[in-house]
Amino acid sequence: MNGNRALLDSNIIIYLSKREVPLSFLDQFDEHYISVITYMV
């Protein structure tokens, strides 16, 4: 498997929702995943 992948945890999701990190941050990754622990909360 090649490509850039991102595993998003609760912190980055919170920062993205508060616009503390620009949404363009996600453009550098080909695939996005949310951690199981974050998904459970």
N, C-alpha and C. Protein backbone atom coordinates (compact mmCIF):
# COMPACT_ATOMS: atom_id res chain seq x y z
N MET A 1 0.85 -1.18 0.00
CA MET A 1 0.00 0.00 0.00
C MET A 1 0.89 1.25 0.00
N ASN A 2 0.71 2.05 -0.98
CA ASN A 2 1.46 3.29 -1.08
C ASN A 2 0.53 4.47 -0.93
N GLY A 3 1.11 5.62 -0.66
CA GLY A 3 0.31 6.84 -0.53
C GLY A 3 0.41 7.40 0.87
N ASN A 4 -0.08 8.58 1.00
CA ASN A 4 -0.08 9.25 2.29
C ASN A 4 -1.41 9.00 2.98
N ARG A 5 -1.33 8.49 4.18
CA ARG A 5 -2.54 8.23 4.96
C ARG A 5 -2.44 8.98 6.29
N ALA A 6 -3.58 9.39 6.81
CA ALA A 6 -3.62 10.11 8.08
C ALA A 6 -4.57 9.39 9.03
N LEU A 7 -4.10 9.15 10.24
CA LEU A 7 -4.93 8.61 11.30
C LEU A 7 -5.28 9.78 12.21
N LEU A 8 -6.54 10.18 12.19
CA LEU A 8 -6.98 11.35 12.94
C LEU A 8 -7.45 10.94 14.33
N ASP A 9 -6.90 11.61 15.34
CA ASP A 9 -7.38 11.35 16.70
C ASP A 9 -8.26 12.52 17.13
N SER A 10 -8.75 12.45 18.33
CA SER A 10 -9.71 13.46 18.79
C SER A 10 -9.11 14.86 18.79
N ASN A 11 -7.84 15.00 19.11
CA ASN A 11 -7.23 16.34 19.16
C ASN A 11 -7.27 17.04 17.81
N ILE A 12 -6.84 16.37 16.77
CA ILE A 12 -6.83 17.03 15.46
C ILE A 12 -8.24 17.30 14.97
N ILE A 13 -9.18 16.45 15.30
CA ILE A 13 -10.57 16.69 14.90
C ILE A 13 -11.11 17.93 15.62
N ILE A 14 -10.79 18.08 16.88
CA ILE A 14 -11.21 19.26 17.64
C ILE A 14 -10.57 20.52 17.06
N TYR A 15 -9.26 20.46 16.77
CA TYR A 15 -8.56 21.62 16.20
C TYR A 15 -9.14 22.00 14.84
N LEU A 16 -9.46 20.99 14.03
CA LEU A 16 -10.06 21.27 12.73
C LEU A 16 -11.44 21.91 12.89
N SER A 17 -12.23 21.43 13.86
CA SER A 17 -13.57 21.98 14.04
C SER A 17 -13.54 23.41 14.58
N LYS A 18 -12.50 23.74 15.33
CA LYS A 18 -12.36 25.10 15.87
C LYS A 18 -11.60 26.02 14.92
N ARG A 19 -11.21 25.47 13.76
CA ARG A 19 -10.45 26.22 12.74
C ARG A 19 -9.08 26.66 13.25
N GLU A 20 -8.52 25.96 14.24
CA GLU A 20 -7.17 26.24 14.71
C GLU A 20 -6.14 25.62 13.76
N VAL A 21 -6.58 24.65 13.00
CA VAL A 21 -5.77 24.04 11.94
C VAL A 21 -6.60 24.20 10.67
N PRO A 22 -6.01 24.72 9.60
CA PRO A 22 -6.80 24.90 8.37
C PRO A 22 -7.21 23.57 7.76
N LEU A 23 -8.38 23.55 7.15
CA LEU A 23 -8.87 22.33 6.51
C LEU A 23 -7.95 21.87 5.38
N SER A 24 -7.20 22.79 4.83
CA SER A 24 -6.26 22.43 3.77
C SER A 24 -5.18 21.48 4.27
N PHE A 25 -5.04 21.36 5.58
CA PHE A 25 -4.12 20.40 6.19
C PHE A 25 -4.41 18.99 5.69
N LEU A 26 -5.68 18.66 5.50
CA LEU A 26 -6.08 17.33 5.08
C LEU A 26 -5.77 17.05 3.62
N ASP A 27 -5.54 18.09 2.82
CA ASP A 27 -5.30 17.92 1.39
C ASP A 27 -4.00 17.17 1.10
N GLN A 28 -3.07 17.15 2.04
CA GLN A 28 -1.79 16.49 1.80
C GLN A 28 -1.87 14.98 1.94
N PHE A 29 -3.02 14.47 2.36
CA PHE A 29 -3.19 13.03 2.56
C PHE A 29 -4.16 12.46 1.54
N ASP A 30 -3.86 11.23 1.09
CA ASP A 30 -4.73 10.56 0.13
C ASP A 30 -5.92 9.89 0.82
N GLU A 31 -5.68 9.38 2.02
CA GLU A 31 -6.73 8.67 2.75
C GLU A 31 -6.76 9.18 4.18
N HIS A 32 -7.97 9.20 4.78
CA HIS A 32 -8.14 9.67 6.16
C HIS A 32 -8.84 8.59 6.97
N TYR A 33 -8.34 8.37 8.16
CA TYR A 33 -8.93 7.38 9.06
C TYR A 33 -9.15 8.03 10.42
N ILE A 34 -10.17 7.58 11.13
CA ILE A 34 -10.44 8.06 12.49
C ILE A 34 -10.17 6.90 13.43
N SER A 35 -9.43 7.17 14.50
CA SER A 35 -9.07 6.10 15.43
C SER A 35 -10.33 5.51 16.07
N VAL A 36 -10.25 4.26 16.42
CA VAL A 36 -11.39 3.56 17.02
C VAL A 36 -11.79 4.20 18.34
N ILE A 37 -10.83 4.59 19.13
CA ILE A 37 -11.11 5.22 20.43
C ILE A 37 -11.86 6.53 20.21
N THR A 38 -11.44 7.33 19.25
CA THR A 38 -12.12 8.59 18.96
C THR A 38 -13.54 8.33 18.49
N TYR A 39 -13.71 7.33 17.65
CA TYR A 39 -15.03 7.01 17.12
C TYR A 39 -15.98 6.57 18.23
N MET A 40 -15.47 5.88 19.26
CA MET A 40 -16.30 5.40 20.35
C MET A 40 -16.81 6.52 21.23
N VAL A 41 -16.07 7.58 21.33
CA VAL A 41 -16.45 8.70 22.19
C VAL A 41 -17.50 9.47 21.52
